[in-house]
Structures are given as C-alpha cells and as structure tokens.
Amino acid sequence: MGEGESIPLRSSISTGASEETTEIPEISTRAVGEPEIEEVLESTEHAEIYRTKRGSQPYYKVDLPELSSEEREIMREVREQAIEEIEIDPRNVADVEEREELFYQGVKERLEDEELPREVSDAKLDQMVKIIVRDMIGFGLLDILLEDDDLEDILVTATGKPVYVYHRRHGMCVTNIRFENEDELLHQIEKMGRRVGRRIDQQNPLLDATLPDGSRVNATIPPASLDGPTLSIRKFRRNPLTIVDIINYDTLSIDVAAFLWLAVEGLGIKPSNIIFAGGTACGKTTTMNAFSAFVPDRERIISIEDTAELNLPHKHWVRLETRPPNVEGRGEITMDDLVKNALRMRPDRIVVGEVRGPEAMTMFTGMNTGHDGCMGTIHSNSARETVTRLTEKPMDVPEVMIPALDAVVMQQRIHHRKMGQIRRITEIAEVMGFENGKPQLSRIYKWNAKKDALGSTGVPSTIKKTIADFAGMEGSEIEREIKRRAVVLEWLREKEIRDVYKVGEVVQEYYRDPDAFFENIELEGLREE
C-alpha cells in the first residue's frame, strides 16, 4: 500500500468475546517514510531490521504490501461479506486458533471469488487475506508485532509518530508503523479492553490488563494522558527463556548458576528464600522464572502475580492473580489477600511476581514460620536498597524479620558501549543476621564492568554452610555438588536443550538419580571432573 493509503476497518468478528460491529476510523498500513539504510542487521519472517545511516536506533521494517485502489475496494467488499456471512459459534468451535483458521478460510474463499487483477500473486492474495483477518479479529498491524517472539515491548507514544519496539538482540527499534489519528489508536485500545472484559473511558482512563496470549497491556487515554492515547504492551514470550538462555546471554556464568541452583533446591532440606531485585525491564522476573524450574516436582508451588508472567514446568503449580475493583469500587483482590490465602493452601513454595506493598509483611511472616524457598521480585538499585525498601512504607517489614531472607540477587540492564543493551546479574548478597540492631549484608559475588564478569568476592557463603549443616555434609562435599550441577548445565548448553519443559525434565531426572544421570552423559563424552 502506498504512502498515506488506508483501509477502513470494522470491529472484530466474534472469536469468543462479545464485540459490537460498528464503523471505526481508517488505519494506515504504511505510515513512515523509509530512512537511508546502511546495513541489514537481521531478516526474519516478521520483519527486516536495519542499521540506518543517520538514526541512532535500528529500523524495524514490517513487510506491508503495495495495494492498488481496485484491490483496496475489493477488500472492502469482502470485509462487508465477512461481517454478514461468516458465523462461527464458540460453543461449537472451542479452540480459538481453529476459529481463526475457519475465519481465514472463509475470507480467502470470498476473496478468490472476486475478479482480482491478474498481477495478484498467491503470496499477495495471502497478504490481503491476512490484512482483513487481522483487522476483523485481531489488533490490526499490531498483530504482526505481537507474533514476533523476539520483541519484548511494543510502545505507542502518540498518534502520528512511529511505533517503537524493544528487540531482545537489537534493543529499542523504530518501526514503519504508526497510527494516523487518535480514533485509530483508541479503537485498538478499546478492543483490547473488550477482549479481556475491561472498560476504558473518560471515567476510567487507565487500562492495565493481560491479553489472552499473556501479554501485559497498559493503556492511557485523556484526561489521564494529556497528549492523547498511549499504549504499552509487554510481550509474553510463548517460548520462555530458561537457565540455558540466560547463561548464553552472559547474564551470569555457569558456576554462579550452579550455586543459585543449589540455593533454590537446598538439597531438598533447606531451600533458600531469595529476592530477585533490579530496575524496570532488567529481566528479574525472567531470571526468577528460570530458577523456579529447579524446584523439585514433588513440591507444591503457589504463584501470586498482578499480571500473569510466570511459566513453570510443574504439574503441582497453582496460579493466583490479583483483580482490580469494579466500577463501583468493589471486588478487589490484592496481592496481600492472595499471599494470606496461599499460606492456607499447604504450599511448599510461594513465588510472588512483584513485592511492593503489605504483601511483603505477609510473605516474611510465612518465611519466619517455616515456609522456606520463597521467591519474589522487587524494584531496587542495590541489595542494601532492597532491604531498606522492605523495611519502609508501604511494605513495613520489621527489621527483626529480615534475616529470614537468605539472598538478594541484583540484576541490571546496562548500556554497554560495544554490545548495546545487556542484562547482567551485578551482585549477589546474603543476609548475615544483625549487628548494632540492623540487618547485615555480605556481598559474595560482584560484577566487574571492565571484565564483564560476575566474580566471587572471596567472602564465605552462609547459604553453603547452612545447607551443609542441615544435610550433615562437609563444605568440600557442597563444593563438589555445585561442580556436578555446573556439568549438568554445561551439558544442557552443549545439547542446546532450552525448552522450559525439557530443561525441567533433565533437572528432575538429575534429582532422581544423579549417579545414573552422570553415567549417561559420560557415554556422550562429557565427564564429571
């Protein structure tokens, strides 16, 4: 489609959600003039990513077809037919993907019945069908971005400006997509709200919700946002990162990962209580999710989140999620409500997506009454600041309770002058008890920016000693166990096993019989030292 050309859209044909069929504003399928390209950084099925000659950010170019006025008119007619003729009852076709495929075939059949220009190839026909389907049952061009599993965030800052995306390898990128006016963007925001049973309007100008695919949506409209609607989508990775990916990304080393594995599992006797801390979008939840895979499958996990992000390879996993109040101010379910309830559900592990309020006090009460192996995330800039935040409002955890926490794992997103945006665990600190009436921290690992390495500070680990004492083992035996686990991680890495469920299966196999596991991998040439 040429510069400034657009197709009028209508709202979605039912895919299970209740949506009205009403005229909506036109939306451009191409909006941003191409910058001067310097080199291709990456080509994918979703887009091409370029380095530009003048821009400081990579250019994420979505492949959008050039459509003639005749082709656009045919698409309008087919859309009208689809609205009136295609009826797919969710009660008869329960699977959403199957409903979408039926709708796709219905649109394609109607488009093929039209007298299309001779130059329309099969590939272009497919693109035309997809445009119609996206507009009817999806979120328009945003669907292309939502389908790219390498994108972490989709950011719409204003109308008339390019949509930005945050790519896992290339960082912040500018796209060739934009919303031409407020009505276009507002329509997509309202559609997202309807899809999850939420309303956004002038009385309720904020939307914070989870899409059916797990992506987190935050939207604002006037009067909350002065310059018009905004939209931020934190993508839910369909294939979540595992410990193998985090090691491959150099977020931490295999040796440190093996130590934290031991801390999380605790030899089944004394698992550690760990807070993963850091700034926004530093990857702390992803790292916590990866280490949650080391919880033995015999244990019952209760996870508590504001917005569902965790994806654990456990059958005995109960997911709890908060709920905001309704328009009358009733029905709210808070994090604190869920943590209190979780303590009554016979949990072996409690995992809190983000600790930021009164639920911190409830979680620490659980830690101090025998619920070991708790994990959570918190926003902070250092291990010391983490403890300070926990003990001040609104969390208000008494300082006397802090020693129930075993470790703080600090992770940061760093702009490296050569590698761009990187994520690194920069500090691991253990809580050592009290001195002069204050909780004391001992930093056992620290990141060296010059070497880009997380190294030991030489301070003895209390976690290792505690596990050794509870297991009746010598310190040398604990060190040997950590080395064995490092070999397992190296084997996973060499075999390129990174699927969350396959990694979980390997971990559980190791727990069942470590010696037999090592006999098997020794046959493949990787020996335990």
Protein backbone atom coordinates (compact mmCIF):
# COMPACT_ATOMS: atom_id res chain seq x y z
CA MET A 1 0.00 0.00 0.00
CA GLY A 2 1.41 3.41 -0.90
CA GLU A 3 2.26 6.29 1.39
CA GLY A 4 -0.85 7.61 3.16
CA GLU A 5 -3.19 4.97 1.69
CA SER A 6 -5.54 3.27 4.13
CA ILE A 7 -8.31 0.75 4.57
CA PRO A 8 -11.44 1.40 6.67
CA LEU A 9 -11.82 -1.18 9.42
CA ARG A 10 -14.69 -2.63 11.38
CA SER A 11 -14.60 -4.23 14.78
CA SER A 12 -13.94 -7.90 15.33
CA ILE A 13 -15.99 -10.84 14.21
CA SER A 14 -16.57 -12.98 17.29
CA THR A 15 -13.75 -15.18 18.43
CA GLY A 16 -15.37 -15.78 21.76
CA ALA A 17 -15.50 -12.23 23.10
CA SER A 18 -18.61 -10.09 22.87
CA GLU A 19 -17.91 -7.23 20.46
CA GLU A 20 -20.23 -4.89 18.62
CA THR A 21 -19.95 -4.40 14.86
CA THR A 22 -19.55 -0.66 14.28
CA GLU A 23 -17.78 1.60 11.82
CA ILE A 24 -14.38 2.63 13.03
CA PRO A 25 -11.76 5.04 11.69
CA GLU A 26 -9.39 4.22 8.89
CA ILE A 27 -5.95 2.90 9.73
CA SER A 28 -2.89 3.21 7.54
CA THR A 29 -0.99 0.10 6.58
CA ARG A 30 2.08 2.18 5.92
CA ALA A 31 2.97 5.39 7.60
CA VAL A 32 6.65 6.14 7.92
CA GLY A 33 8.99 7.07 5.10
CA GLU A 34 12.00 4.78 4.92
CA PRO A 35 15.28 6.10 6.31
CA GLU A 36 18.56 5.67 4.47
CA ILE A 37 19.74 2.10 5.06
CA GLU A 38 23.35 1.33 5.98
CA GLU A 39 23.23 -2.44 6.51
CA VAL A 40 20.84 -5.32 7.23
CA LEU A 41 21.16 -6.48 10.84
CA GLU A 42 18.67 -9.35 10.66
CA SER A 43 15.93 -10.74 8.43
CA THR A 44 13.03 -12.69 9.94
CA GLU A 45 9.62 -13.91 8.85
CA HIS A 46 8.12 -10.87 10.58
CA ALA A 47 10.39 -8.03 9.51
CA GLU A 48 13.80 -6.86 8.39
CA ILE A 49 15.95 -4.94 10.86
CA TYR A 50 18.39 -2.36 9.54
CA ARG A 51 21.09 -0.06 10.80
CA THR A 52 20.44 3.37 9.32
CA LYS A 53 22.98 5.99 8.30
CA ARG A 54 21.62 8.81 10.42
CA GLY A 55 19.41 7.17 13.01
CA SER A 56 20.75 6.12 16.39
CA GLN A 57 18.21 3.29 16.64
CA PRO A 58 17.74 0.27 14.35
CA TYR A 59 14.86 0.36 11.88
CA TYR A 60 12.32 -2.48 12.19
CA LYS A 61 10.59 -2.72 8.82
CA VAL A 62 7.39 -4.74 8.59
CA ASP A 63 6.64 -6.11 5.12
CA LEU A 64 3.48 -4.31 4.01
CA PRO A 65 2.02 -4.97 0.55
CA GLU A 66 1.52 -2.27 -2.08
CA LEU A 67 -2.21 -2.25 -2.91
CA SER A 68 -3.95 -0.55 -5.80
CA SER A 69 -7.21 1.35 -5.34
CA GLU A 70 -9.01 -1.53 -7.09
CA GLU A 71 -7.54 -4.08 -4.68
CA ARG A 72 -8.49 -1.94 -1.69
CA GLU A 73 -12.05 -1.67 -2.94
CA ILE A 74 -12.29 -5.44 -3.36
CA MET A 75 -11.02 -5.90 0.19
CA ARG A 76 -13.72 -3.52 1.45
CA GLU A 77 -16.40 -5.58 -0.25
CA VAL A 78 -15.02 -8.87 1.08
CA ARG A 79 -14.92 -7.39 4.56
CA GLU A 80 -18.60 -6.46 4.29
CA GLN A 81 -19.42 -10.01 3.19
CA ALA A 82 -17.40 -11.49 6.03
CA ILE A 83 -19.26 -9.40 8.59
CA GLU A 84 -22.65 -10.53 7.32
CA GLU A 85 -21.99 -14.12 6.28
CA ILE A 86 -19.31 -15.72 8.45
CA GLU A 87 -20.73 -17.00 11.71
CA ILE A 88 -18.55 -19.15 13.94
CA ASP A 89 -20.18 -20.20 17.21
CA PRO A 90 -17.58 -20.52 20.01
CA ARG A 91 -19.77 -23.18 21.60
CA ASN A 92 -19.26 -25.42 18.58
CA VAL A 93 -15.61 -24.49 17.94
CA ALA A 94 -13.96 -24.05 21.32
CA ASP A 95 -10.37 -23.66 20.14
CA VAL A 96 -9.54 -20.02 19.36
CA GLU A 97 -6.88 -20.91 16.77
CA GLU A 98 -9.32 -23.21 15.00
CA ARG A 99 -11.93 -20.43 14.89
CA GLU A 100 -9.36 -18.05 13.44
CA GLU A 101 -8.36 -20.62 10.79
CA LEU A 102 -12.02 -21.09 9.80
CA PHE A 103 -12.42 -17.35 9.52
CA TYR A 104 -9.23 -17.12 7.45
CA GLN A 105 -10.50 -19.77 5.02
CA GLY A 106 -13.88 -18.04 4.79
CA VAL A 107 -12.30 -14.71 3.90
CA LYS A 108 -9.92 -16.37 1.43
CA GLU A 109 -12.76 -18.15 -0.39
CA ARG A 110 -14.68 -14.90 -0.78
CA LEU A 111 -11.60 -13.04 -1.95
CA GLU A 112 -10.83 -15.75 -4.54
CA ASP A 113 -14.40 -15.43 -5.87
CA GLU A 114 -13.75 -11.79 -6.73
CA GLU A 115 -12.33 -10.71 -10.08
CA LEU A 116 -8.85 -9.85 -8.90
CA PRO A 117 -6.30 -8.12 -11.13
CA ARG A 118 -4.05 -10.55 -12.99
CA GLU A 119 -0.91 -9.33 -11.22
CA VAL A 120 -2.19 -10.51 -7.81
CA SER A 121 0.02 -13.48 -6.93
CA ASP A 122 -0.80 -16.20 -4.43
CA ALA A 123 1.58 -14.57 -1.96
CA LYS A 124 -0.12 -11.20 -2.33
CA LEU A 125 -3.54 -12.83 -2.02
CA ASP A 126 -2.41 -14.36 1.26
CA GLN A 127 -1.26 -10.93 2.47
CA MET A 128 -4.61 -9.39 1.56
CA VAL A 129 -6.48 -12.11 3.46
CA LYS A 130 -4.27 -11.62 6.49
CA ILE A 131 -4.89 -7.86 6.49
CA ILE A 132 -8.65 -8.45 6.54
CA VAL A 133 -8.41 -11.12 9.22
CA ARG A 134 -6.15 -9.01 11.43
CA ASP A 135 -8.49 -6.07 11.16
CA MET A 136 -11.56 -8.16 11.93
CA ILE A 137 -10.49 -10.50 14.71
CA GLY A 138 -7.13 -9.17 15.84
CA PHE A 139 -5.45 -5.87 16.54
CA GLY A 140 -4.54 -4.81 13.03
CA LEU A 141 -0.87 -4.28 12.30
CA LEU A 142 -0.07 -4.70 15.98
CA ASP A 143 -0.69 -8.42 15.42
CA ILE A 144 2.48 -8.62 13.33
CA LEU A 145 4.46 -7.24 16.25
CA LEU A 146 2.66 -9.47 18.75
CA GLU A 147 3.63 -12.53 16.71
CA ASP A 148 7.36 -11.76 16.89
CA ASP A 149 8.69 -13.66 19.90
CA ASP A 150 11.94 -11.67 19.79
CA LEU A 151 10.14 -8.47 20.77
CA GLU A 152 9.85 -7.63 24.46
CA ASP A 153 7.84 -4.41 24.30
CA ILE A 154 5.57 -2.60 21.85
CA LEU A 155 5.31 1.12 22.58
CA VAL A 156 2.88 3.63 21.08
CA THR A 157 3.77 7.05 22.45
CA ALA A 158 1.40 9.19 20.39
CA THR A 159 -0.53 9.33 17.14
CA GLY A 160 1.32 10.43 14.06
CA LYS A 161 4.58 9.07 15.45
CA PRO A 162 6.28 5.72 14.73
CA VAL A 163 5.51 2.73 16.91
CA TYR A 164 8.62 1.62 18.80
CA VAL A 165 9.59 -1.93 19.75
CA TYR A 166 12.22 -3.31 22.09
CA HIS A 167 14.04 -6.22 20.45
CA ARG A 168 15.88 -8.84 22.52
CA ARG A 169 19.05 -8.55 20.45
CA HIS A 170 18.90 -5.10 18.89
CA GLY A 171 17.37 -3.04 21.69
CA MET A 172 14.97 -0.19 21.00
CA CYS A 173 13.92 0.00 17.34
CA VAL A 174 11.74 2.38 15.37
CA THR A 175 9.17 0.73 13.08
CA ASN A 176 7.44 1.71 9.85
CA ILE A 177 4.04 1.53 11.57
CA ARG A 178 2.13 4.45 13.04
CA PHE A 179 -1.42 5.38 13.97
CA GLU A 180 -2.61 8.34 11.91
CA ASN A 181 -5.18 9.69 14.38
CA GLU A 182 -6.45 9.21 17.91
CA ASP A 183 -9.57 7.31 16.85
CA GLU A 184 -7.48 4.58 15.22
CA LEU A 185 -5.43 4.01 18.35
CA LEU A 186 -8.40 4.37 20.69
CA HIS A 187 -10.26 1.70 18.75
CA GLN A 188 -7.46 -0.84 19.25
CA ILE A 189 -7.21 0.04 22.95
CA GLU A 190 -10.96 -0.38 23.42
CA LYS A 191 -10.85 -3.66 21.51
CA MET A 192 -8.14 -4.96 23.86
CA GLY A 193 -10.25 -3.92 26.83
CA ARG A 194 -13.32 -5.70 25.48
CA ARG A 195 -11.27 -8.81 24.74
CA VAL A 196 -10.47 -9.16 28.46
CA GLY A 197 -13.77 -7.84 29.81
CA ARG A 198 -12.43 -4.44 30.86
CA ARG A 199 -13.60 -0.94 30.06
CA ILE A 200 -11.57 2.17 29.36
CA ASP A 201 -13.27 5.56 29.03
CA GLN A 202 -13.06 9.08 30.42
CA GLN A 203 -14.26 7.91 33.81
CA ASN A 204 -11.77 5.03 33.79
CA PRO A 205 -8.89 6.33 31.63
CA LEU A 206 -6.35 3.67 32.63
CA LEU A 207 -6.22 0.08 31.40
CA ASP A 208 -3.86 -2.46 32.94
CA ALA A 209 -4.71 -5.96 31.78
CA THR A 210 -3.47 -9.25 30.36
CA LEU A 211 -4.31 -10.32 26.82
CA PRO A 212 -5.33 -13.94 26.17
CA ASP A 213 -1.77 -14.70 24.97
CA GLY A 214 -0.37 -13.49 28.31
CA SER A 215 0.96 -10.13 27.09
CA ARG A 216 0.62 -7.24 29.55
CA VAL A 217 -1.23 -4.20 28.27
CA ASN A 218 -1.07 -0.75 29.79
CA ALA A 219 -3.03 2.00 28.07
CA THR A 220 -3.94 5.56 28.93
CA ILE A 221 -6.42 7.96 27.35
CA PRO A 222 -7.35 11.57 28.10
CA PRO A 223 -7.75 13.06 30.64
CA ALA A 224 -5.02 10.83 32.17
CA SER A 225 -2.65 11.30 29.20
CA LEU A 226 -2.58 14.91 28.06
CA ASP A 227 -1.35 14.31 24.51
CA GLY A 228 -3.81 11.60 23.54
CA PRO A 229 -3.98 7.80 23.89
CA THR A 230 -0.84 5.79 24.64
CA LEU A 231 -0.28 2.05 24.56
CA SER A 232 2.44 -0.16 26.04
CA ILE A 233 2.49 -3.93 25.56
CA ARG A 234 4.94 -6.13 27.44
CA LYS A 235 5.09 -9.27 25.32
CA PHE A 236 4.56 -12.67 26.88
CA ARG A 237 7.17 -14.98 25.41
CA ARG A 238 5.48 -18.11 24.11
CA ASN A 239 8.73 -19.99 24.50
CA PRO A 240 10.07 -18.60 27.80
CA LEU A 241 13.75 -18.14 28.45
CA THR A 242 15.39 -20.84 30.53
CA ILE A 243 18.60 -21.01 32.52
CA VAL A 244 20.38 -22.11 29.32
CA ASP A 245 19.35 -18.90 27.53
CA ILE A 246 20.34 -16.73 30.48
CA ILE A 247 23.78 -18.34 30.54
CA ASN A 248 24.11 -17.96 26.77
CA TYR A 249 23.26 -14.26 27.11
CA ASP A 250 26.09 -13.96 29.68
CA THR A 251 23.66 -12.70 32.31
CA LEU A 252 25.58 -14.95 34.69
CA SER A 253 28.19 -17.70 34.48
CA ILE A 254 27.59 -21.44 34.70
CA ASP A 255 29.36 -21.59 38.08
CA VAL A 256 27.14 -18.89 39.60
CA ALA A 257 24.05 -20.53 38.07
CA ALA A 258 25.06 -23.83 39.68
CA PHE A 259 25.42 -22.13 43.08
CA LEU A 260 21.98 -20.49 42.79
CA TRP A 261 20.52 -23.83 41.67
CA LEU A 262 21.79 -25.36 44.90
CA ALA A 263 20.36 -22.41 46.86
CA VAL A 264 16.92 -22.75 45.25
CA GLU A 265 16.71 -26.52 45.76
CA GLY A 266 18.59 -26.68 49.07
CA LEU A 267 19.23 -30.43 48.61
CA GLY A 268 15.53 -30.83 49.42
CA ILE A 269 16.27 -29.93 53.05
CA LYS A 270 16.90 -26.19 53.35
CA PRO A 271 15.92 -24.19 50.24
CA SER A 272 16.82 -20.51 50.37
CA ASN A 273 14.47 -17.53 50.43
CA ILE A 274 15.59 -15.30 47.56
CA ILE A 275 14.60 -11.85 46.29
CA PHE A 276 15.45 -11.01 42.67
CA ALA A 277 15.87 -7.24 42.53
CA GLY A 278 16.53 -4.64 39.86
CA GLY A 279 15.09 -1.85 37.77
CA THR A 280 12.26 -1.88 35.27
CA ALA A 281 12.68 -4.33 32.36
CA CYS A 282 16.02 -5.61 33.68
CA GLY A 283 14.86 -9.24 33.38
CA LYS A 284 14.47 -10.08 37.06
CA THR A 285 11.13 -11.87 36.58
CA THR A 286 12.58 -13.85 33.67
CA THR A 287 15.55 -14.89 35.82
CA MET A 288 13.29 -15.87 38.71
CA ASN A 289 11.15 -17.90 36.33
CA ALA A 290 14.25 -19.70 35.04
CA PHE A 291 15.42 -20.63 38.54
CA SER A 292 11.91 -21.74 39.54
CA ALA A 293 12.47 -24.69 37.20
CA PHE A 294 14.88 -26.06 39.83
CA VAL A 295 12.11 -26.60 42.38
CA PRO A 296 11.64 -30.40 42.78
CA ASP A 297 8.45 -31.63 41.12
CA ARG A 298 7.26 -33.23 44.36
CA GLU A 299 6.77 -29.75 45.84
CA ARG A 300 3.62 -27.64 45.57
CA ILE A 301 4.14 -24.13 44.18
CA ILE A 302 1.72 -21.24 44.68
CA SER A 303 2.49 -18.22 42.48
CA ILE A 304 0.96 -14.80 43.08
CA GLU A 305 1.07 -12.06 40.45
CA ASP A 306 -0.55 -8.79 39.45
CA THR A 307 -0.24 -9.82 35.82
CA ALA A 308 0.47 -13.44 34.91
CA GLU A 309 4.03 -13.73 33.59
CA LEU A 310 5.47 -16.88 35.14
CA ASN A 311 5.62 -20.11 33.15
CA LEU A 312 6.82 -23.03 35.26
CA PRO A 313 7.36 -26.66 34.15
CA HIS A 314 5.50 -28.05 37.17
CA LYS A 315 2.27 -30.02 37.37
CA HIS A 316 1.68 -29.11 41.02
CA TRP A 317 1.57 -25.37 40.37
CA VAL A 318 -1.33 -23.13 41.41
CA ARG A 319 -1.51 -19.68 39.80
CA LEU A 320 -3.19 -16.80 41.63
CA GLU A 321 -3.73 -13.36 40.14
CA THR A 322 -4.97 -10.10 41.62
CA ARG A 323 -8.16 -8.39 40.49
CA PRO A 324 -8.84 -4.65 40.41
CA PRO A 325 -12.07 -3.23 41.85
CA ASN A 326 -15.08 -2.92 39.56
CA VAL A 327 -16.62 0.41 38.55
CA GLU A 328 -18.43 0.50 41.90
CA GLY A 329 -15.16 0.07 43.78
CA ARG A 330 -15.93 -3.49 44.86
CA GLY A 331 -14.48 -6.93 44.29
CA GLU A 332 -10.79 -6.06 44.54
CA ILE A 333 -8.39 -8.91 45.30
CA THR A 334 -4.98 -7.63 46.42
CA MET A 335 -1.56 -9.24 46.50
CA ASP A 336 -1.80 -9.31 50.28
CA ASP A 337 -5.14 -11.14 50.09
CA LEU A 338 -3.59 -13.77 47.85
CA VAL A 339 -0.42 -14.23 49.92
CA LYS A 340 -2.53 -14.72 53.05
CA ASN A 341 -4.68 -17.21 51.18
CA ALA A 342 -1.64 -19.02 49.77
CA LEU A 343 -0.34 -19.66 53.29
CA ARG A 344 -3.55 -21.67 53.91
CA MET A 345 -3.11 -23.79 50.76
CA ARG A 346 -0.33 -26.02 52.08
CA PRO A 347 2.38 -24.51 49.89
CA ASP A 348 5.90 -25.86 49.70
CA ARG A 349 6.92 -22.76 47.77
CA ILE A 350 5.42 -19.29 47.44
CA VAL A 351 6.53 -17.25 44.43
CA VAL A 352 5.44 -13.59 44.34
CA GLY A 353 5.67 -11.85 40.99
CA GLU A 354 6.39 -8.41 42.40
CA VAL A 355 6.65 -7.44 46.06
CA ARG A 356 5.71 -3.80 46.64
CA GLY A 357 3.11 -3.45 49.39
CA PRO A 358 1.64 -5.04 52.53
CA GLU A 359 2.08 -8.49 50.98
CA ALA A 360 5.78 -8.19 51.86
CA MET A 361 4.94 -8.35 55.56
CA THR A 362 2.72 -11.38 54.99
CA MET A 363 5.40 -13.13 52.92
CA PHE A 364 8.07 -12.54 55.57
CA THR A 365 5.68 -13.82 58.22
CA GLY A 366 5.50 -17.02 56.19
CA MET A 367 9.29 -17.17 55.89
CA ASN A 368 9.61 -16.78 59.65
CA THR A 369 7.12 -19.58 60.31
CA GLY A 370 8.84 -22.32 58.32
CA HIS A 371 7.94 -21.62 54.69
CA ASP A 372 11.40 -21.89 53.15
CA GLY A 373 12.14 -21.50 49.46
CA CYS A 374 10.06 -18.36 48.89
CA MET A 375 10.97 -16.21 45.90
CA GLY A 376 9.89 -12.80 44.72
CA THR A 377 10.96 -9.74 42.74
CA ILE A 378 11.30 -6.14 43.85
CA HIS A 379 12.29 -2.86 42.21
CA SER A 380 15.53 -1.51 43.66
CA ASN A 381 19.02 -0.45 42.66
CA SER A 382 21.17 -2.42 45.11
CA ALA A 383 20.97 -5.18 47.68
CA ARG A 384 21.18 -2.63 50.50
CA GLU A 385 18.39 -0.57 48.96
CA THR A 386 16.30 -3.75 48.69
CA VAL A 387 16.46 -4.25 52.46
CA THR A 388 15.75 -0.55 53.05
CA ARG A 389 12.67 -0.67 50.81
CA LEU A 390 11.40 -3.79 52.55
CA THR A 391 11.57 -2.15 55.97
CA GLU A 392 9.98 1.16 54.98
CA LYS A 393 6.45 2.08 53.91
CA PRO A 394 4.43 0.72 52.23
CA MET A 395 6.00 -2.72 52.91
CA ASP A 396 6.83 -2.18 56.58
CA VAL A 397 8.61 -5.47 57.21
CA PRO A 398 10.07 -5.33 60.76
CA GLU A 399 13.86 -5.39 60.67
CA VAL A 400 13.85 -8.34 63.03
CA MET A 401 12.20 -10.42 60.25
CA ILE A 402 14.73 -9.59 57.51
CA PRO A 403 17.19 -12.41 58.44
CA ALA A 404 14.56 -14.88 57.17
CA LEU A 405 15.69 -13.70 53.72
CA ASP A 406 18.76 -15.61 52.60
CA ALA A 407 19.89 -13.75 49.49
CA VAL A 408 19.29 -10.79 47.21
CA VAL A 409 20.15 -11.31 43.53
CA MET A 410 20.63 -7.95 41.81
CA GLN A 411 20.12 -7.70 38.07
CA GLN A 412 20.53 -4.62 35.91
CA ARG A 413 20.02 -3.53 32.34
CA ILE A 414 23.23 -1.84 31.24
CA HIS A 415 24.15 0.11 28.14
CA HIS A 416 27.46 -1.33 27.00
CA ARG A 417 29.43 0.89 24.62
CA LYS A 418 30.18 -2.05 22.29
CA MET A 419 27.36 -4.53 22.85
CA GLY A 420 24.49 -2.08 23.35
CA GLN A 421 21.83 -3.05 25.89
CA ILE A 422 22.86 -6.01 28.03
CA ARG A 423 21.43 -7.63 31.15
CA ARG A 424 23.74 -8.75 33.92
CA ILE A 425 23.47 -10.05 37.45
CA THR A 426 25.64 -7.46 39.13
CA GLU A 427 25.55 -8.54 42.75
CA ILE A 428 24.57 -11.44 44.98
CA ALA A 429 24.38 -10.59 48.67
CA GLU A 430 23.48 -12.80 51.60
CA VAL A 431 21.71 -11.64 54.76
CA MET A 432 24.04 -12.31 57.68
CA GLY A 433 21.85 -11.52 60.68
CA PHE A 434 22.03 -8.44 62.94
CA GLU A 435 24.74 -6.07 64.02
CA ASN A 436 24.05 -2.92 66.04
CA GLY A 437 20.34 -3.59 65.62
CA LYS A 438 20.49 -3.55 61.79
CA PRO A 439 20.31 -6.38 59.22
CA GLN A 440 23.75 -7.06 57.80
CA LEU A 441 24.52 -7.99 54.20
CA SER A 442 27.52 -9.85 52.87
CA ARG A 443 28.29 -9.49 49.17
CA ILE A 444 29.56 -12.81 47.84
CA TYR A 445 29.51 -12.04 44.10
CA LYS A 446 30.13 -8.74 42.32
CA TRP A 447 30.12 -7.83 38.62
CA ASN A 448 33.30 -6.39 37.15
CA ALA A 449 32.35 -3.98 34.37
CA LYS A 450 35.83 -3.96 32.83
CA LYS A 451 35.95 -7.75 32.54
CA ASP A 452 32.18 -8.12 32.05
CA ALA A 453 32.23 -10.94 34.58
CA LEU A 454 30.46 -11.78 37.82
CA GLY A 455 33.17 -12.92 40.19
CA SER A 456 33.44 -14.15 43.75
CA THR A 457 34.43 -11.58 46.36
CA GLY A 458 36.10 -14.29 48.44
CA VAL A 459 33.60 -13.86 51.28
CA PRO A 460 32.42 -17.29 52.52
CA SER A 461 28.82 -18.16 51.66
CA THR A 462 26.40 -18.58 54.56
CA ILE A 463 23.96 -20.38 52.25
CA LYS A 464 26.52 -23.10 51.52
CA LYS A 465 27.29 -23.52 55.22
CA THR A 466 23.61 -23.64 56.19
CA ILE A 467 22.82 -26.30 53.58
CA ALA A 468 25.89 -28.31 54.63
CA ASP A 469 24.85 -28.16 58.30
CA PHE A 470 21.27 -29.26 57.59
CA ALA A 471 22.43 -32.04 55.23
CA GLY A 472 25.22 -33.26 57.53
CA MET A 473 27.83 -32.64 54.83
CA GLU A 474 31.29 -31.13 54.73
CA GLY A 475 31.98 -27.91 52.87
CA SER A 476 34.05 -29.82 50.32
CA GLU A 477 31.06 -32.05 49.55
CA ILE A 478 28.89 -28.98 48.91
CA GLU A 479 31.51 -27.58 46.55
CA ARG A 480 31.62 -30.89 44.70
CA GLU A 481 27.82 -30.85 44.37
CA ILE A 482 27.95 -27.36 42.86
CA LYS A 483 30.56 -28.55 40.35
CA ARG A 484 28.37 -31.52 39.41
CA ARG A 485 25.47 -29.18 38.73
CA ALA A 486 27.71 -26.96 36.65
CA VAL A 487 28.46 -30.02 34.49
CA VAL A 488 24.71 -30.61 34.08
CA LEU A 489 24.24 -27.01 32.95
CA GLU A 490 27.14 -27.30 30.53
CA TRP A 491 25.62 -30.49 29.12
CA LEU A 492 22.27 -28.72 28.62
CA ARG A 493 24.09 -25.92 26.87
CA GLU A 494 26.09 -28.20 24.58
CA LYS A 495 22.97 -30.15 23.65
CA GLU A 496 21.10 -26.87 23.06
CA ILE A 497 18.29 -28.02 25.32
CA ARG A 498 16.47 -24.79 26.15
CA ASP A 499 12.76 -25.63 26.08
CA VAL A 500 11.35 -24.90 29.54
CA TYR A 501 9.73 -28.33 29.87
CA LYS A 502 12.72 -30.26 28.56
CA VAL A 503 15.05 -28.39 30.91
CA GLY A 504 12.65 -29.23 33.73
CA GLU A 505 12.69 -32.91 32.77
CA VAL A 506 16.50 -33.01 32.85
CA VAL A 507 16.59 -31.32 36.25
CA GLN A 508 14.09 -33.78 37.72
CA GLU A 509 16.00 -36.71 36.19
CA TYR A 510 19.15 -35.48 37.93
CA TYR A 511 17.29 -35.26 41.25
CA ARG A 512 16.02 -38.83 40.95
CA ASP A 513 19.44 -40.42 40.46
CA PRO A 514 22.47 -38.12 39.98
CA ASP A 515 24.93 -41.01 39.54
CA ALA A 516 22.85 -42.65 36.83
CA PHE A 517 22.48 -39.28 35.12
CA PHE A 518 26.25 -38.83 35.01
CA GLU A 519 26.76 -42.35 33.70
CA ASN A 520 24.50 -41.47 30.78
CA ILE A 521 26.19 -38.20 29.90
CA GLU A 522 29.66 -39.73 30.28
CA LEU A 523 28.71 -42.09 27.47
CA GLU A 524 28.25 -38.96 25.35
CA GLY A 525 31.74 -37.69 26.10
CA LEU A 526 31.09 -35.10 28.82
CA ARG A 527 32.72 -36.23 32.04
CA GLU A 528 32.39 -35.07 35.59
CA GLU A 529 35.65 -33.67 36.91
